[in-house]
C-alpha atoms as a PDB file:
ATOM      1  CA  MET A   1       0.000   0.000   0.000  1.00  0.00           C
ATOM      2  CA  LEU A   2       1.340   3.407  -0.985  1.00  0.00           C
ATOM      3  CA  CYS A   3       0.381   6.612   0.809  1.00  0.00           C
ATOM      4  CA  ASP A   4       1.383  10.122  -0.259  1.00  0.00           C
ATOM      5  CA  TRP A   5       0.274  13.002   1.948  1.00  0.00           C
ATOM      6  CA  ARG A   6       0.549  16.749   2.299  1.00  0.00           C
ATOM      7  CA  GLN A   7      -0.561  18.809   5.269  1.00  0.00           C
ATOM      8  CA  PHE A   8      -1.008  22.472   6.126  1.00  0.00           C
ATOM      9  CA  HIS A   9      -1.908  24.296   9.307  1.00  0.00           C
ATOM     10  CA  ILE A  10      -1.885  27.869  10.596  1.00  0.00           C
ATOM     11  CA  VAL A  11      -2.075  29.359  14.105  1.00  0.00           C
ATOM     12  CA  PHE A  12      -4.336  32.275  15.041  1.00  0.00           C
ATOM     13  CA  SER A  13      -3.569  34.005  18.332  1.00  0.00           C
ATOM     14  CA  ILE A  14      -6.038  36.361  20.032  1.00  0.00           C
ATOM     15  CA  LYS A  15      -4.542  38.536  22.793  1.00  0.00           C
ATOM     16  CA  ASN A  16      -2.131  35.709  23.682  1.00  0.00           C
ATOM     17  CA  LYS A  17      -5.029  34.006  25.470  1.00  0.00           C
ATOM     18  CA  LEU A  18      -6.847  32.106  22.758  1.00  0.00           C
ATOM     19  CA  LEU A  19      -5.107  30.016  20.100  1.00  0.00           C
ATOM     20  CA  ILE A  20      -7.055  28.560  17.177  1.00  0.00           C
ATOM     21  CA  ILE A  21      -5.232  26.072  14.969  1.00  0.00           C
ATOM     22  CA  PRO A  22      -7.089  24.849  11.877  1.00  0.00           C
ATOM     23  CA  GLY A  23      -5.459  22.394   9.516  1.00  0.00           C
ATOM     24  CA  ILE A  24      -6.070  20.288   6.449  1.00  0.00           C
ATOM     25  CA  ARG A  25      -4.411  17.153   5.163  1.00  0.00           C
ATOM     26  CA  TYR A  26      -4.484  15.643   1.684  1.00  0.00           C
ATOM     27  CA  GLU A  27      -3.654  11.991   1.108  1.00  0.00           C
ATOM     28  CA  ASN A  28      -3.425   9.832  -1.996  1.00  0.00           C
ATOM     29  CA  VAL A  29      -3.712   6.135  -1.111  1.00  0.00           C
ATOM     30  CA  GLU A  30      -3.202   3.240  -3.488  1.00  0.00           C
ATOM     31  CA  GLY A  31      -3.549  -0.420  -2.576  1.00  0.00           C
ATOM     32  CA  SER A  32      -3.333  -3.561  -4.647  1.00  0.00           C
ATOM     33  CA  VAL A  33      -3.273  -7.303  -4.138  1.00  0.00           C
ATOM     34  CA  ASN A  34      -2.567 -10.206  -6.480  1.00  0.00           C
ATOM     35  CA  GLY A  35      -0.583 -13.415  -6.626  1.00  0.00           C
ATOM     36  CA  ARG A  36      -0.570 -16.547  -4.496  1.00  0.00           C
ATOM     37  CA  ASN A  37      -1.444 -16.737  -0.816  1.00  0.00           C
ATOM     38  CA  GLY A  38      -0.375 -20.263   0.099  1.00  0.00           C
ATOM     39  CA  PHE A  39      -1.753 -23.688  -0.801  1.00  0.00           C
ATOM     40  CA  SER A  40      -4.888 -25.686  -0.140  1.00  0.00           C
ATOM     41  CA  GLY A  41      -3.509 -29.198  -0.282  1.00  0.00           C
ATOM     42  CA  SER A  42      -1.437 -29.147  -3.451  1.00  0.00           C
ATOM     43  CA  ALA A  43      -3.536 -26.455  -5.158  1.00  0.00           C
ATOM     44  CA  PRO A  44      -2.292 -22.852  -4.929  1.00  0.00           C
ATOM     45  CA  ILE A  45      -4.618 -20.223  -3.448  1.00  0.00           C
ATOM     46  CA  ILE A  46      -4.747 -17.428  -6.000  1.00  0.00           C
ATOM     47  CA  LEU A  47      -5.796 -14.052  -4.650  1.00  0.00           C
ATOM     48  CA  GLN A  48      -8.409 -11.923  -6.305  1.00  0.00           C
ATOM     49  CA  ASN A  49      -6.652  -9.319  -8.446  1.00  0.00           C
ATOM     50  CA  ILE A  50      -7.723  -6.027  -6.870  1.00  0.00           C
ATOM     51  CA  ARG A  51      -6.333  -2.526  -7.242  1.00  0.00           C
ATOM     52  CA  ARG A  52      -7.778   0.531  -5.518  1.00  0.00           C
ATOM     53  CA  SER A  53      -6.762   4.165  -5.684  1.00  0.00           C
ATOM     54  CA  ARG A  54      -8.454   6.973  -3.778  1.00  0.00           C
ATOM     55  CA  LYS A  55      -7.837  10.472  -2.455  1.00  0.00           C
ATOM     56  CA  PHE A  56      -8.723  12.032   0.888  1.00  0.00           C
ATOM     57  CA  LEU A  57      -9.013  15.612   2.067  1.00  0.00           C
ATOM     58  CA  ILE A  58      -9.446  15.661   5.832  1.00  0.00           C
ATOM     59  CA  ALA A  59      -9.681  18.667   8.125  1.00  0.00           C
ATOM     60  CA  GLY A  60      -9.463  19.480  11.799  1.00  0.00           C
ATOM     61  CA  VAL A  61      -9.272  22.368  14.219  1.00  0.00           C
ATOM     62  CA  GLY A  62      -7.778  22.731  17.679  1.00  0.00           C
ATOM     63  CA  ALA A  63      -8.090  25.495  20.241  1.00  0.00           C
ATOM     64  CA  GLU A  64      -6.435  26.505  23.500  1.00  0.00           C
ATOM     65  CA  TYR A  65      -7.564  29.105  26.014  1.00  0.00           C
ATOM     66  CA  HIS A  66      -4.850  30.077  28.478  1.00  0.00           C
ATOM     67  CA  ILE A  67      -6.383  31.112  31.799  1.00  0.00           C
ATOM     68  CA  ASN A  68      -2.917  32.015  33.010  1.00  0.00           C
ATOM     69  CA  LYS A  69       0.594  30.777  32.342  1.00  0.00           C
ATOM     70  CA  TYR A  70      -0.054  27.602  34.337  1.00  0.00           C
ATOM     71  CA  VAL A  71      -3.464  26.262  33.283  1.00  0.00           C
ATOM     72  CA  GLU A  72      -5.487  26.135  30.074  1.00  0.00           C
ATOM     73  CA  TRP A  73      -8.588  24.732  28.431  1.00  0.00           C
ATOM     74  CA  TYR A  74      -8.181  22.912  25.136  1.00  0.00           C
ATOM     75  CA  GLY A  75     -10.341  21.240  22.522  1.00  0.00           C
ATOM     76  CA  ASN A  76      -9.875  19.443  19.214  1.00  0.00           C
ATOM     77  CA  ILE A  77     -12.030  17.940  16.507  1.00  0.00           C
ATOM     78  CA  SER A  78     -10.687  16.241  13.402  1.00  0.00           C
ATOM     79  CA  GLN A  79     -11.761  13.933  10.643  1.00  0.00           C
ATOM     80  CA  ALA A  80     -10.139  10.527  10.318  1.00  0.00           C
ATOM     81  CA  TYR A  81     -10.141   7.470   8.093  1.00  0.00           C
ATOM     82  CA  ARG A  82      -8.844   3.915   8.071  1.00  0.00           C
ATOM     83  CA  PRO A  83      -7.844   2.642   4.626  1.00  0.00           C
ATOM     84  CA  VAL A  84      -8.738  -0.862   3.497  1.00  0.00           C
ATOM     85  CA  GLN A  85      -5.888  -3.131   4.618  1.00  0.00           C
ATOM     86  CA  PHE A  86      -4.079  -5.859   2.702  1.00  0.00           C
ATOM     87  CA  ALA A  87      -5.659  -8.542   4.903  1.00  0.00           C
ATOM     88  CA  GLU A  88      -9.101  -7.294   3.918  1.00  0.00           C
ATOM     89  CA  LEU A  89      -8.283  -7.599   0.222  1.00  0.00           C
ATOM     90  CA  SER A  90      -6.556 -10.968   0.411  1.00  0.00           C
ATOM     91  CA  ALA A  91      -9.510 -13.244   1.155  1.00  0.00           C
ATOM     92  CA  PRO A  92      -9.321 -16.789  -0.287  1.00  0.00           C
ATOM     93  CA  PRO A  93     -11.522 -16.745  -3.424  1.00  0.00           C
ATOM     94  CA  SER A  94     -12.730 -20.284  -2.728  1.00  0.00           C
ATOM     95  CA  THR A  95     -14.486 -19.276   0.499  1.00  0.00           C
ATOM     96  CA  ASP A  96     -14.733 -15.472   0.554  1.00  0.00           C
ATOM     97  CA  VAL A  97     -15.993 -12.772  -1.759  1.00  0.00           C
ATOM     98  CA  ILE A  98     -14.900  -9.159  -1.426  1.00  0.00           C
ATOM     99  CA  ASP A  99     -17.404  -6.401  -2.074  1.00  0.00           C
ATOM    100  CA  THR A 100     -16.332  -4.583  -5.233  1.00  0.00           C
ATOM    101  CA  GLN A 101     -17.663  -1.380  -3.625  1.00  0.00           C
ATOM    102  CA  LEU A 102     -15.755  -1.894  -0.361  1.00  0.00           C
ATOM    103  CA  LYS A 103     -15.055   1.549   1.115  1.00  0.00           C
ATOM    104  CA  ASP A 104     -12.456   2.857   3.527  1.00  0.00           C
ATOM    105  CA  ALA A 105     -13.717   3.391   7.067  1.00  0.00           C
ATOM    106  CA  ASN A 106     -14.040   6.986   8.181  1.00  0.00           C
ATOM    107  CA  GLY A 107     -15.205   9.079  11.098  1.00  0.00           C
ATOM    108  CA  TYR A 108     -14.008  11.783  13.434  1.00  0.00           C
ATOM    109  CA  ASN A 109     -12.763  12.313  16.969  1.00  0.00           C
ATOM    110  CA  ALA A 110     -13.301  15.214  19.352  1.00  0.00           C
ATOM    111  CA  ASP A 111     -12.020  16.033  22.814  1.00  0.00           C
ATOM    112  CA  LEU A 112     -12.342  18.796  25.402  1.00  0.00           C
ATOM    113  CA  GLY A 113      -9.965  19.075  28.325  1.00  0.00           C
ATOM    114  CA  PHE A 114      -8.298  21.043  31.090  1.00  0.00           C
ATOM    115  CA  ARG A 115      -4.573  20.814  31.842  1.00  0.00           C
ATOM    116  CA  GLY A 116      -1.888  22.644  33.704  1.00  0.00           C
ATOM    117  CA  LYS A 117       0.841  22.484  36.306  1.00  0.00           C
ATOM    118  CA  TYR A 118       1.431  23.524  39.871  1.00  0.00           C
ATOM    119  CA  GLY A 119       4.927  24.869  40.308  1.00  0.00           C
ATOM    120  CA  ASP A 120       7.603  22.887  38.472  1.00  0.00           C
ATOM    121  CA  ALA A 121       6.753  19.499  39.929  1.00  0.00           C
ATOM    122  CA  LEU A 122       3.045  18.698  39.412  1.00  0.00           C
ATOM    123  CA  PHE A 123       1.324  18.269  36.037  1.00  0.00           C
ATOM    124  CA  PHE A 124      -2.320  17.322  35.498  1.00  0.00           C
ATOM    125  CA  ASP A 125      -4.608  16.737  32.511  1.00  0.00           C
ATOM    126  CA  ALA A 126      -8.296  15.733  32.356  1.00  0.00           C
ATOM    127  CA  SER A 127     -10.481  15.449  29.270  1.00  0.00           C
ATOM    128  CA  ILE A 128     -13.617  13.977  27.745  1.00  0.00           C
ATOM    129  CA  TYR A 129     -13.724  12.543  24.233  1.00  0.00           C
ATOM    130  CA  HIS A 130     -15.935  11.131  21.498  1.00  0.00           C
ATOM    131  CA  LEU A 131     -14.790   8.828  18.680  1.00  0.00           C
ATOM    132  CA  GLN A 132     -17.052   8.043  15.726  1.00  0.00           C
ATOM    133  CA  TYR A 133     -16.131   5.030  13.550  1.00  0.00           C
ATOM    134  CA  ASN A 134     -18.194   4.670  10.355  1.00  0.00           C
ATOM    135  CA  ARG A 135     -18.209   2.056   7.578  1.00  0.00           C
ATOM    136  CA  ARG A 136     -16.524  -0.616   9.675  1.00  0.00           C
ATOM    137  CA  ILE A 137     -15.426  -3.603   7.617  1.00  0.00           C
ATOM    138  CA  GLY A 138     -16.671  -7.056   8.518  1.00  0.00           C
ATOM    139  CA  THR A 139     -17.793 -10.408   7.144  1.00  0.00           C
ATOM    140  CA  ILE A 140     -21.359 -11.632   6.719  1.00  0.00           C
ATOM    141  CA  VAL A 141     -22.494 -15.059   5.557  1.00  0.00           C
ATOM    142  CA  GLN A 142     -24.305 -15.258   2.211  1.00  0.00           C
ATOM    143  CA  GLN A 143     -25.745 -18.118   0.140  1.00  0.00           C
ATOM    144  CA  ASN A 144     -25.200 -18.996  -3.496  1.00  0.00           C
ATOM    145  CA  VAL A 145     -28.035 -20.081  -5.766  1.00  0.00           C
ATOM    146  CA  ASP A 146     -26.742 -23.650  -5.522  1.00  0.00           C
ATOM    147  CA  GLY A 147     -27.241 -23.601  -1.754  1.00  0.00           C
ATOM    148  CA  SER A 148     -23.584 -23.291  -0.758  1.00  0.00           C
ATOM    149  CA  PHE A 149     -22.466 -20.591   1.646  1.00  0.00           C
ATOM    150  CA  TYR A 150     -19.667 -18.044   1.422  1.00  0.00           C
ATOM    151  CA  ASN A 151     -18.287 -15.161   3.466  1.00  0.00           C
ATOM    152  CA  TYR A 152     -18.982 -11.716   2.050  1.00  0.00           C
ATOM    153  CA  ARG A 153     -16.533  -9.011   3.155  1.00  0.00           C
ATOM    154  CA  THR A 154     -18.114  -5.560   3.093  1.00  0.00           C
ATOM    155  CA  ASN A 155     -18.864  -2.425   5.130  1.00  0.00           C
ATOM    156  CA  VAL A 156     -21.251  -3.625   7.813  1.00  0.00           C
ATOM    157  CA  GLY A 157     -21.884  -0.723  10.167  1.00  0.00           C
ATOM    158  CA  LYS A 158     -20.587   1.842  12.607  1.00  0.00           C
ATOM    159  CA  SER A 159     -19.646   2.276  16.257  1.00  0.00           C
ATOM    160  CA  TRP A 160     -18.845   5.064  18.687  1.00  0.00           C
ATOM    161  CA  SER A 161     -16.843   5.549  21.870  1.00  0.00           C
ATOM    162  CA  ASN A 162     -17.304   8.100  24.646  1.00  0.00           C
ATOM    163  CA  GLY A 163     -15.038   8.457  27.624  1.00  0.00           C
ATOM    164  CA  ILE A 164     -12.989  10.436  30.085  1.00  0.00           C
ATOM    165  CA  GLU A 165      -9.240  10.466  30.677  1.00  0.00           C
ATOM    166  CA  ALA A 166      -7.227  11.887  33.563  1.00  0.00           C
ATOM    167  CA  LEU A 167      -3.489  12.039  34.254  1.00  0.00           C
ATOM    168  CA  VAL A 168      -1.434  13.221  37.227  1.00  0.00           C
ATOM    169  CA  GLU A 169       2.363  13.374  37.068  1.00  0.00           C
ATOM    170  CA  TYR A 170       4.743  14.473  39.811  1.00  0.00           C
ATOM    171  CA  SER A 171       8.484  15.142  39.693  1.00  0.00           C
ATOM    172  CA  LEU A 172      10.252  13.698  42.756  1.00  0.00           C
ATOM    173  CA  LEU A 173      13.314  15.218  44.424  1.00  0.00           C
ATOM    174  CA  ARG A 174      13.451  17.895  41.725  1.00  0.00           C
ATOM    175  CA  LYS A 175      15.716  20.322  43.617  1.00  0.00           C
ATOM    176  CA  LEU A 176      18.192  17.538  44.309  1.00  0.00           C
ATOM    177  CA  LEU A 177      18.193  15.708  40.972  1.00  0.00           C
ATOM    178  CA  TYR A 178      17.467  18.390  38.353  1.00  0.00           C
ATOM    179  CA  PRO A 179      20.864  20.160  38.673  1.00  0.00           C
ATOM    180  CA  LYS A 180      22.424  16.751  37.978  1.00  0.00           C
ATOM    181  CA  LYS A 181      20.478  16.456  34.699  1.00  0.00           C
ATOM    182  CA  ILE A 182      18.291  13.750  36.198  1.00  0.00           C
ATOM    183  CA  GLU A 183      14.524  13.803  36.527  1.00  0.00           C
ATOM    184  CA  LEU A 184      12.467  11.208  38.403  1.00  0.00           C
ATOM    185  CA  ARG A 185       8.707  11.337  37.811  1.00  0.00           C
ATOM    186  CA  ILE A 186       5.809   9.191  38.951  1.00  0.00           C
ATOM    187  CA  PHE A 187       2.494   9.168  37.138  1.00  0.00           C
ATOM    188  CA  SER A 188      -0.951   7.686  37.335  1.00  0.00           C
ATOM    189  CA  SER A 189      -3.698   7.824  34.734  1.00  0.00           C
ATOM    190  CA  PHE A 190      -7.268   6.624  34.553  1.00  0.00           C
ATOM    191  CA  ALA A 191      -9.575   6.229  31.570  1.00  0.00           C
ATOM    192  CA  PHE A 192     -13.221   5.237  31.391  1.00  0.00           C
ATOM    193  CA  ASN A 193     -14.454   4.141  27.979  1.00  0.00           C
ATOM    194  CA  ASP A 194     -17.959   3.327  26.753  1.00  0.00           C
ATOM    195  CA  SER A 195     -17.899   1.774  23.257  1.00  0.00           C
ATOM    196  CA  LYS A 196     -21.062   0.603  21.514  1.00  0.00           C
ATOM    197  CA  TYR A 197     -22.202  -0.334  18.041  1.00  0.00           C
ATOM    198  CA  GLY A 198     -24.523   1.874  16.058  1.00  0.00           C
ATOM    199  CA  ASP A 199     -26.373   0.388  13.112  1.00  0.00           C
ATOM    200  CA  PHE A 200     -24.297  -2.774  12.560  1.00  0.00           C
ATOM    201  CA  LYS A 201     -25.552  -5.698  10.477  1.00  0.00           C
ATOM    202  CA  VAL A 202     -24.510  -9.279  11.170  1.00  0.00           C
ATOM    203  CA  VAL A 203     -25.603 -12.331   9.161  1.00  0.00           C
ATOM    204  CA  ILE A 204     -24.830 -15.799  10.522  1.00  0.00           C
ATOM    205  CA  LYS A 205     -25.695 -19.368   9.587  1.00  0.00           C
ATOM    206  CA  SER A 206     -27.898 -21.336  11.977  1.00  0.00           C
ATOM    207  CA  PRO A 207     -27.416 -25.057  12.742  1.00  0.00           C
ATOM    208  CA  GLU A 208     -30.338 -25.648  10.367  1.00  0.00           C
ATOM    209  CA  ASN A 209     -28.379 -23.916   7.542  1.00  0.00           C
ATOM    210  CA  GLN A 210     -30.657 -20.891   7.613  1.00  0.00           C
ATOM    211  CA  LEU A 211     -29.343 -17.341   7.333  1.00  0.00           C
ATOM    212  CA  ILE A 212     -30.148 -15.217  10.386  1.00  0.00           C
ATOM    213  CA  GLU A 213     -29.715 -11.441  10.213  1.00  0.00           C
ATOM    214  CA  LYS A 214     -29.127  -9.486  13.401  1.00  0.00           C
ATOM    215  CA  ASN A 215     -28.287  -5.925  14.303  1.00  0.00           C
ATOM    216  CA  LEU A 216     -25.757  -5.171  17.043  1.00  0.00           C
ATOM    217  CA  LYS A 217     -27.054  -1.649  17.662  1.00  0.00           C
ATOM    218  CA  ASN A 218     -26.365  -0.520  21.257  1.00  0.00           C
ATOM    219  CA  LYS A 219     -24.335  -3.684  21.972  1.00  0.00           C
ATOM    220  CA  LYS A 220     -20.901  -3.336  23.584  1.00  0.00           C
ATOM    221  CA  VAL A 221     -17.914  -3.380  21.235  1.00  0.00           C
ATOM    222  CA  GLU A 222     -15.744  -6.401  21.958  1.00  0.00           C
ATOM    223  CA  ASN A 223     -12.104  -5.973  23.053  1.00  0.00           C
ATOM    224  CA  ALA A 224     -12.780  -2.390  24.175  1.00  0.00           C
ATOM    225  CA  PRO A 225     -11.800  -2.084  27.870  1.00  0.00           C
ATOM    226  CA  THR A 226     -14.223  -0.165  30.061  1.00  0.00           C
ATOM    227  CA  GLN A 227     -11.525   1.018  32.457  1.00  0.00           C
ATOM    228  CA  ILE A 228      -7.788   1.466  32.062  1.00  0.00           C
ATOM    229  CA  ILE A 229      -5.553   2.322  35.008  1.00  0.00           C
ATOM    230  CA  ARG A 230      -1.900   2.961  34.342  1.00  0.00           C
ATOM    231  CA  SER A 231       0.764   3.932  36.865  1.00  0.00           C
ATOM    232  CA  GLY A 232       4.530   4.041  36.680  1.00  0.00           C
ATOM    233  CA  VAL A 233       7.882   5.692  37.164  1.00  0.00           C
ATOM    234  CA  ILE A 234       9.868   7.634  34.556  1.00  0.00           C
ATOM    235  CA  LEU A 235      13.591   8.327  34.887  1.00  0.00           C
ATOM    236  CA  ASN A 236      15.018  10.900  32.465  1.00  0.00           C
ATOM    237  CA  TYR A 237      18.641  11.802  31.921  1.00  0.00           C
ATOM    238  CA  LYS A 238      19.510  14.979  29.993  1.00  0.00           C
ATOM    239  CA  ARG A 239      22.790  14.664  28.168  1.00  0.00           C
ATOM    240  CA  SER A 240      23.204  18.232  26.997  1.00  0.00           C
ATOM    241  CA  GLU A 241      22.698  21.596  28.666  1.00  0.00           C
ATOM    242  CA  GLU A 242      22.002  23.057  25.218  1.00  0.00           C
ATOM    243  CA  HIS A 243      18.888  20.939  24.776  1.00  0.00           C
ATOM    244  CA  THR A 244      17.291  21.076  28.199  1.00  0.00           C
ATOM    245  CA  SER A 245      13.806  20.530  26.766  1.00  0.00           C
ATOM    246  CA  GLU A 246      14.810  17.388  24.871  1.00  0.00           C
ATOM    247  CA  LEU A 247      14.941  14.256  26.969  1.00  0.00           C
ATOM    248  CA  GLN A 248      17.738  12.276  25.395  1.00  0.00           C
ATOM    249  CA  SER A 249      17.563   9.070  27.453  1.00  0.00           C
ATOM    250  CA  GLN A 250      14.569   7.643  29.197  1.00  0.00           C
ATOM    251  CA  PHE A 251      13.938   4.639  31.404  1.00  0.00           C
ATOM    252  CA  ARG A 252      10.291   3.880  32.071  1.00  0.00           C
ATOM    253  CA  ILE A 253       8.613   1.394  34.389  1.00  0.00           C
ATOM    254  CA  SER A 254       4.834   1.233  34.222  1.00  0.00           C
ATOM    255  CA  TYR A 255       2.045  -0.983  35.433  1.00  0.00           C
ATOM    256  CA  ALA A 256      -1.286  -1.149  33.639  1.00  0.00           C
ATOM    257  CA  VAL A 257      -4.583  -2.719  34.656  1.00  0.00           C
ATOM    258  CA  PHE A 258      -7.313  -3.419  32.104  1.00  0.00           C
ATOM    259  CA  CYS A 259     -10.795  -3.977  33.511  1.00  0.00           C
ATOM    260  CA  LEU A 260     -13.301  -5.448  31.089  1.00  0.00           C
ATOM    261  CA  LYS A 261     -16.910  -4.993  32.063  1.00  0.00           C
ATOM    262  CA  LYS A 262     -18.876  -8.223  31.994  1.00  0.00           C
ATOM    263  CA  LYS A 263     -21.778  -8.360  29.595  1.00  0.00           C
END
């Protein structure tokens, strides 16, 4: 898959309090698949010869409002897309059929947050977010006129995620370690995520070889953790006085807990 992109953004500042940063991005994506993808017994599995070329123009805007030099409000909203992957174009032709009108997934994400610091040691950040995921790609079971079944790979529906995120980070022994170009920080973050399907079609085969169509609307998205807790220690060593803002070496120890809500 080839991807060529160009991007442009500009910053508007209003009385050094409000920053508005709009931007656009242009991408030209080309994907193709052909050839052999293994063997079934002694017979080669020949991939469907597919070539797709498309162009995207996506936009976004971010904003910051500085209450003072320590704390600020911020918000962002931007379009997004997920191009069709090689794995989604390389289905075995003997069992799967790929939709000739298969489209790239798209959507947008937005967040609104509050962040800042207290002195030189404490940093905090809290935000809410929304992620919209449209034209998700999936597989539904279909039946040929001869009664045989096959998997049809197409755009099956959409999903969304809402959540909150919070982070606290503290620099330990700063007065003692910072003059020695060493920084020791501890952090803890928490995220709550609610992910559900929108209109999402699923077709399965019953034990009686009948096709059953269902809709997963308002069902939980699988493999999407409800809660994520992450804590750890970060040790930074600054090699050069000339680049005090660039952390040249970093040693990180972290511990994460994923809590999946039972259905």
